Amino acid sequence: MQDSRVIMDESAIRRALTRIAHEIVEKNKGIDGCVLIGIRTRGVYLAHRVAELILAIEGHPVAVCELDITQYRDDRAGTKDESKDVQDTELQYVVNNKRIILFDDVLYTGRTIRAAMDALMDQGRPQSIQLAVLVDRGHRELPIRPDYIGKNVPTSRHEQIVVSLTEIDKGDCVTIIHPAESEE
């Protein structure tokens, strides 16, 4: 039996994304030269939501793309197909000399972000890469630090963080799942 608790509801997620949107505009002194790139799946929806907020703030749209890092993951044996051409012409166009703001739902070990940076670098040479996450749960295995954080949630390695978004789930919330005593 597992114990779970909602740590961010719909309004908390909305407030966090609004804050992130304002921080992105402030840090980059506007949005010129910026591209929001969401890591598939939930990072894509977060990037689109922040793009809508930035449009409301700045009055100008910001480009949004999605990134599939499946071939770059190091935790799935045999997923990287060296013979497959991974060049994406849309991403090549938007990556070169741009300030990339990479979006993911949960930052944990940092390996997903490393894979995303590898994928981006295969597409071109960005001016910079910034990282935005809805939840930073700690336990980094790589020297990766987010620039924009919705919420810091200290966790144990046994706990799970589950992000649900309306676009693909039944609603917006972030839940922490604690394993039952007998499962530890």
C-alpha atoms as a PDB file:
ATOM      1  CA  MET A   1       0.000   0.000   0.000  1.00  0.00           C
ATOM      2  CA  GLN A   2       1.354   3.410  -0.942  1.00  0.00           C
ATOM      3  CA  ASP A   3       0.649   6.771   0.646  1.00  0.00           C
ATOM      4  CA  SER A   4       0.296   9.746  -1.691  1.00  0.00           C
ATOM      5  CA  ARG A   5      -0.176  13.463  -1.154  1.00  0.00           C
ATOM      6  CA  VAL A   6      -0.856  16.308  -3.592  1.00  0.00           C
ATOM      7  CA  ILE A   7       1.956  18.849  -3.248  1.00  0.00           C
ATOM      8  CA  MET A   8       0.854  21.177  -6.076  1.00  0.00           C
ATOM      9  CA  ASP A   9      -2.709  21.641  -7.218  1.00  0.00           C
ATOM     10  CA  GLU A  10      -3.912  23.368 -10.395  1.00  0.00           C
ATOM     11  CA  SER A  11      -3.569  26.875  -8.980  1.00  0.00           C
ATOM     12  CA  ALA A  12      -0.089  26.179  -7.558  1.00  0.00           C
ATOM     13  CA  ILE A  13       1.068  24.894 -10.966  1.00  0.00           C
ATOM     14  CA  ARG A  14      -0.414  27.965 -12.675  1.00  0.00           C
ATOM     15  CA  ARG A  15       1.336  30.301 -10.220  1.00  0.00           C
ATOM     16  CA  ALA A  16       4.656  28.466 -10.628  1.00  0.00           C
ATOM     17  CA  LEU A  17       4.475  28.652 -14.434  1.00  0.00           C
ATOM     18  CA  THR A  18       3.515  32.339 -14.295  1.00  0.00           C
ATOM     19  CA  ARG A  19       6.541  33.026 -12.090  1.00  0.00           C
ATOM     20  CA  ILE A  20       8.796  31.037 -14.452  1.00  0.00           C
ATOM     21  CA  ALA A  21       7.474  33.007 -17.447  1.00  0.00           C
ATOM     22  CA  HIS A  22       8.265  36.319 -15.727  1.00  0.00           C
ATOM     23  CA  GLU A  23      11.724  35.072 -14.690  1.00  0.00           C
ATOM     24  CA  ILE A  24      12.511  33.998 -18.268  1.00  0.00           C
ATOM     25  CA  VAL A  25      11.531  37.401 -19.638  1.00  0.00           C
ATOM     26  CA  GLU A  26      13.524  39.189 -16.933  1.00  0.00           C
ATOM     27  CA  LYS A  27      16.685  37.069 -17.194  1.00  0.00           C
ATOM     28  CA  ASN A  28      16.748  37.280 -20.997  1.00  0.00           C
ATOM     29  CA  LYS A  29      15.729  40.955 -21.121  1.00  0.00           C
ATOM     30  CA  GLY A  30      12.755  40.033 -23.283  1.00  0.00           C
ATOM     31  CA  ILE A  31      12.319  37.073 -25.577  1.00  0.00           C
ATOM     32  CA  ASP A  32      14.318  38.015 -28.678  1.00  0.00           C
ATOM     33  CA  GLY A  33      16.482  35.069 -29.671  1.00  0.00           C
ATOM     34  CA  CYS A  34      14.774  32.700 -27.223  1.00  0.00           C
ATOM     35  CA  VAL A  35      13.245  29.326 -28.064  1.00  0.00           C
ATOM     36  CA  LEU A  36      11.316  27.169 -25.594  1.00  0.00           C
ATOM     37  CA  ILE A  37      11.957  23.455 -26.100  1.00  0.00           C
ATOM     38  CA  GLY A  38       9.929  20.890 -24.187  1.00  0.00           C
ATOM     39  CA  ILE A  39      11.234  17.412 -23.503  1.00  0.00           C
ATOM     40  CA  ARG A  40       8.594  14.939 -24.590  1.00  0.00           C
ATOM     41  CA  THR A  41       6.042  14.396 -23.099  1.00  0.00           C
ATOM     42  CA  ARG A  42       5.058  16.680 -20.237  1.00  0.00           C
ATOM     43  CA  GLY A  43       7.872  19.164 -20.833  1.00  0.00           C
ATOM     44  CA  VAL A  44       6.272  19.989 -24.183  1.00  0.00           C
ATOM     45  CA  TYR A  45       2.988  20.988 -22.533  1.00  0.00           C
ATOM     46  CA  LEU A  46       4.792  23.043 -19.895  1.00  0.00           C
ATOM     47  CA  ALA A  47       6.751  24.878 -22.619  1.00  0.00           C
ATOM     48  CA  HIS A  48       3.523  25.666 -24.503  1.00  0.00           C
ATOM     49  CA  ARG A  49       1.841  26.956 -21.341  1.00  0.00           C
ATOM     50  CA  VAL A  50       4.789  29.210 -20.528  1.00  0.00           C
ATOM     51  CA  ALA A  51       4.852  30.441 -24.149  1.00  0.00           C
ATOM     52  CA  GLU A  52       1.205  31.515 -23.773  1.00  0.00           C
ATOM     53  CA  LEU A  53       2.058  33.351 -20.549  1.00  0.00           C
ATOM     54  CA  ILE A  54       5.039  35.067 -22.202  1.00  0.00           C
ATOM     55  CA  LEU A  55       2.792  36.153 -25.090  1.00  0.00           C
ATOM     56  CA  ALA A  56       0.459  37.772 -22.541  1.00  0.00           C
ATOM     57  CA  ILE A  57       3.406  39.470 -20.794  1.00  0.00           C
ATOM     58  CA  GLU A  58       5.410  40.616 -23.833  1.00  0.00           C
ATOM     59  CA  GLY A  59       2.760  40.803 -26.530  1.00  0.00           C
ATOM     60  CA  HIS A  60       4.977  38.779 -28.878  1.00  0.00           C
ATOM     61  CA  PRO A  61       5.037  35.029 -29.419  1.00  0.00           C
ATOM     62  CA  VAL A  62       8.053  32.912 -28.555  1.00  0.00           C
ATOM     63  CA  ALA A  63       8.938  29.820 -30.601  1.00  0.00           C
ATOM     64  CA  VAL A  64       8.163  26.433 -29.028  1.00  0.00           C
ATOM     65  CA  CYS A  65       9.521  23.068 -30.189  1.00  0.00           C
ATOM     66  CA  GLU A  66       9.450  19.561 -28.808  1.00  0.00           C
ATOM     67  CA  LEU A  67      12.426  17.300 -28.240  1.00  0.00           C
ATOM     68  CA  ASP A  68      12.364  13.508 -28.272  1.00  0.00           C
ATOM     69  CA  ILE A  69      15.405  12.204 -26.385  1.00  0.00           C
ATOM     70  CA  THR A  70      14.619   8.494 -26.654  1.00  0.00           C
ATOM     71  CA  GLN A  71      17.763   7.729 -28.656  1.00  0.00           C
ATOM     72  CA  TYR A  72      19.961   9.608 -26.196  1.00  0.00           C
ATOM     73  CA  ARG A  73      18.874   7.946 -22.952  1.00  0.00           C
ATOM     74  CA  ASP A  74      21.524   5.948 -21.117  1.00  0.00           C
ATOM     75  CA  ASP A  75      19.069   3.987 -18.982  1.00  0.00           C
ATOM     76  CA  ARG A  76      17.508   2.008 -21.794  1.00  0.00           C
ATOM     77  CA  ALA A  77      19.854  -0.520 -23.303  1.00  0.00           C
ATOM     78  CA  GLY A  78      19.942  -0.515 -27.065  1.00  0.00           C
ATOM     79  CA  THR A  79      17.773   2.567 -27.610  1.00  0.00           C
ATOM     80  CA  LYS A  80      20.412   4.670 -29.337  1.00  0.00           C
ATOM     81  CA  ASP A  81      20.541   3.731 -32.992  1.00  0.00           C
ATOM     82  CA  GLU A  82      23.892   4.968 -34.256  1.00  0.00           C
ATOM     83  CA  SER A  83      22.927   4.322 -37.879  1.00  0.00           C
ATOM     84  CA  LYS A  84      19.808   6.498 -37.755  1.00  0.00           C
ATOM     85  CA  ASP A  85      20.132  10.097 -38.867  1.00  0.00           C
ATOM     86  CA  VAL A  86      18.980  12.148 -35.877  1.00  0.00           C
ATOM     87  CA  GLN A  87      19.124  15.538 -37.594  1.00  0.00           C
ATOM     88  CA  ASP A  88      15.813  17.403 -37.328  1.00  0.00           C
ATOM     89  CA  THR A  89      15.682  20.296 -39.789  1.00  0.00           C
ATOM     90  CA  GLU A  90      13.152  22.223 -37.688  1.00  0.00           C
ATOM     91  CA  LEU A  91      15.393  21.985 -34.632  1.00  0.00           C
ATOM     92  CA  GLN A  92      18.536  22.792 -36.652  1.00  0.00           C
ATOM     93  CA  TYR A  93      16.924  26.044 -37.688  1.00  0.00           C
ATOM     94  CA  VAL A  94      15.861  27.058 -34.186  1.00  0.00           C
ATOM     95  CA  VAL A  95      18.879  25.840 -32.192  1.00  0.00           C
ATOM     96  CA  ASN A  96      21.788  27.643 -33.871  1.00  0.00           C
ATOM     97  CA  ASN A  97      22.782  30.846 -32.060  1.00  0.00           C
ATOM     98  CA  LYS A  98      19.581  30.860 -29.977  1.00  0.00           C
ATOM     99  CA  ARG A  99      19.021  30.989 -26.245  1.00  0.00           C
ATOM    100  CA  ILE A 100      17.308  27.679 -25.574  1.00  0.00           C
ATOM    101  CA  ILE A 101      15.070  27.290 -22.558  1.00  0.00           C
ATOM    102  CA  LEU A 102      14.672  23.556 -22.028  1.00  0.00           C
ATOM    103  CA  PHE A 103      11.567  22.361 -20.146  1.00  0.00           C
ATOM    104  CA  ASP A 104      11.025  19.175 -18.160  1.00  0.00           C
ATOM    105  CA  ASP A 105       8.467  18.249 -15.541  1.00  0.00           C
ATOM    106  CA  VAL A 106      10.710  16.727 -12.840  1.00  0.00           C
ATOM    107  CA  LEU A 107      14.455  17.079 -12.323  1.00  0.00           C
ATOM    108  CA  TYR A 108      15.885  14.087 -10.494  1.00  0.00           C
ATOM    109  CA  THR A 109      19.295  12.603 -11.363  1.00  0.00           C
ATOM    110  CA  GLY A 110      19.998  14.961 -14.273  1.00  0.00           C
ATOM    111  CA  ARG A 111      20.377  12.162 -16.810  1.00  0.00           C
ATOM    112  CA  THR A 112      17.303  13.177 -18.827  1.00  0.00           C
ATOM    113  CA  ILE A 113      18.664  16.718 -19.114  1.00  0.00           C
ATOM    114  CA  ARG A 114      22.091  15.427 -20.154  1.00  0.00           C
ATOM    115  CA  ALA A 115      20.409  13.373 -22.877  1.00  0.00           C
ATOM    116  CA  ALA A 116      18.414  16.430 -23.986  1.00  0.00           C
ATOM    117  CA  MET A 117      21.570  18.559 -24.183  1.00  0.00           C
ATOM    118  CA  ASP A 118      23.270  15.845 -26.253  1.00  0.00           C
ATOM    119  CA  ALA A 119      20.278  15.813 -28.608  1.00  0.00           C
ATOM    120  CA  LEU A 120      20.303  19.616 -28.898  1.00  0.00           C
ATOM    121  CA  MET A 121      24.032  19.748 -29.578  1.00  0.00           C
ATOM    122  CA  ASP A 122      23.594  17.207 -32.381  1.00  0.00           C
ATOM    123  CA  GLN A 123      21.194  19.690 -33.995  1.00  0.00           C
ATOM    124  CA  GLY A 124      23.448  22.734 -33.853  1.00  0.00           C
ATOM    125  CA  ARG A 125      25.194  25.172 -31.558  1.00  0.00           C
ATOM    126  CA  PRO A 126      22.923  27.184 -29.288  1.00  0.00           C
ATOM    127  CA  GLN A 127      24.091  30.481 -27.805  1.00  0.00           C
ATOM    128  CA  SER A 128      23.082  29.108 -24.392  1.00  0.00           C
ATOM    129  CA  ILE A 129      20.881  26.470 -22.780  1.00  0.00           C
ATOM    130  CA  GLN A 130      18.786  27.309 -19.734  1.00  0.00           C
ATOM    131  CA  LEU A 131      16.728  24.790 -17.795  1.00  0.00           C
ATOM    132  CA  ALA A 132      13.179  25.170 -16.479  1.00  0.00           C
ATOM    133  CA  VAL A 133      11.547  22.453 -14.377  1.00  0.00           C
ATOM    134  CA  LEU A 134       8.232  22.275 -12.604  1.00  0.00           C
ATOM    135  CA  VAL A 135       9.675  20.203  -9.732  1.00  0.00           C
ATOM    136  CA  ASP A 136      13.269  19.799  -8.536  1.00  0.00           C
ATOM    137  CA  ARG A 137      13.395  16.769  -6.253  1.00  0.00           C
ATOM    138  CA  GLY A 138      17.149  16.591  -5.694  1.00  0.00           C
ATOM    139  CA  HIS A 139      19.425  13.529  -5.867  1.00  0.00           C
ATOM    140  CA  ARG A 140      21.539  14.756  -8.773  1.00  0.00           C
ATOM    141  CA  GLU A 141      24.057  12.345 -10.253  1.00  0.00           C
ATOM    142  CA  LEU A 142      25.364  14.916 -12.731  1.00  0.00           C
ATOM    143  CA  PRO A 143      26.352  18.576 -12.240  1.00  0.00           C
ATOM    144  CA  ILE A 144      23.090  19.991 -13.613  1.00  0.00           C
ATOM    145  CA  ARG A 145      21.208  22.864 -12.000  1.00  0.00           C
ATOM    146  CA  PRO A 146      17.907  24.403 -13.150  1.00  0.00           C
ATOM    147  CA  ASP A 147      17.669  28.117 -13.902  1.00  0.00           C
ATOM    148  CA  TYR A 148      13.914  28.195 -13.281  1.00  0.00           C
ATOM    149  CA  ILE A 149      12.144  26.036 -10.685  1.00  0.00           C
ATOM    150  CA  GLY A 150       8.435  25.774  -9.990  1.00  0.00           C
ATOM    151  CA  LYS A 151       8.923  24.029  -6.647  1.00  0.00           C
ATOM    152  CA  ASN A 152      11.779  22.398  -4.732  1.00  0.00           C
ATOM    153  CA  VAL A 153      10.613  19.147  -3.154  1.00  0.00           C
ATOM    154  CA  PRO A 154      13.205  17.315  -1.061  1.00  0.00           C
ATOM    155  CA  THR A 155      12.545  13.603  -1.448  1.00  0.00           C
ATOM    156  CA  SER A 156      14.017  10.275  -0.542  1.00  0.00           C
ATOM    157  CA  ARG A 157      15.131   8.012  -3.356  1.00  0.00           C
ATOM    158  CA  HIS A 158      12.223   5.699  -2.507  1.00  0.00           C
ATOM    159  CA  GLU A 159       9.580   8.347  -3.099  1.00  0.00           C
ATOM    160  CA  GLN A 160       8.118   9.209  -6.472  1.00  0.00           C
ATOM    161  CA  ILE A 161       6.929  12.502  -7.899  1.00  0.00           C
ATOM    162  CA  VAL A 162       4.068  12.231 -10.394  1.00  0.00           C
ATOM    163  CA  VAL A 163       3.122  15.227 -12.543  1.00  0.00           C
ATOM    164  CA  SER A 164      -0.356  15.162 -14.065  1.00  0.00           C
ATOM    165  CA  LEU A 165      -1.304  17.698 -16.728  1.00  0.00           C
ATOM    166  CA  THR A 166      -4.768  18.257 -18.180  1.00  0.00           C
ATOM    167  CA  GLU A 167      -3.508  17.849 -21.750  1.00  0.00           C
ATOM    168  CA  ILE A 168      -2.776  14.135 -21.208  1.00  0.00           C
ATOM    169  CA  ASP A 169      -4.026  13.280 -17.736  1.00  0.00           C
ATOM    170  CA  LYS A 170      -7.265  13.888 -15.835  1.00  0.00           C
ATOM    171  CA  GLY A 171      -6.201  17.230 -14.391  1.00  0.00           C
ATOM    172  CA  ASP A 172      -3.331  19.348 -13.130  1.00  0.00           C
ATOM    173  CA  CYS A 173      -1.522  18.275  -9.983  1.00  0.00           C
ATOM    174  CA  VAL A 174       1.811  17.111  -8.636  1.00  0.00           C
ATOM    175  CA  THR A 175       1.710  14.174  -6.254  1.00  0.00           C
ATOM    176  CA  ILE A 176       4.384  12.689  -4.027  1.00  0.00           C
ATOM    177  CA  ILE A 177       4.072   8.964  -3.472  1.00  0.00           C
ATOM    178  CA  HIS A 178       5.608   7.479  -0.339  1.00  0.00           C
ATOM    179  CA  PRO A 179       6.241   3.729  -0.362  1.00  0.00           C
ATOM    180  CA  ALA A 180       4.554   1.719   2.340  1.00  0.00           C
ATOM    181  CA  GLU A 181       6.725   0.610   5.234  1.00  0.00           C
ATOM    182  CA  SER A 182       6.716  -3.014   4.065  1.00  0.00           C
ATOM    183  CA  GLU A 183       7.915  -2.016   0.561  1.00  0.00           C
ATOM    184  CA  GLU A 184      11.103  -0.277   1.733  1.00  0.00           C
END
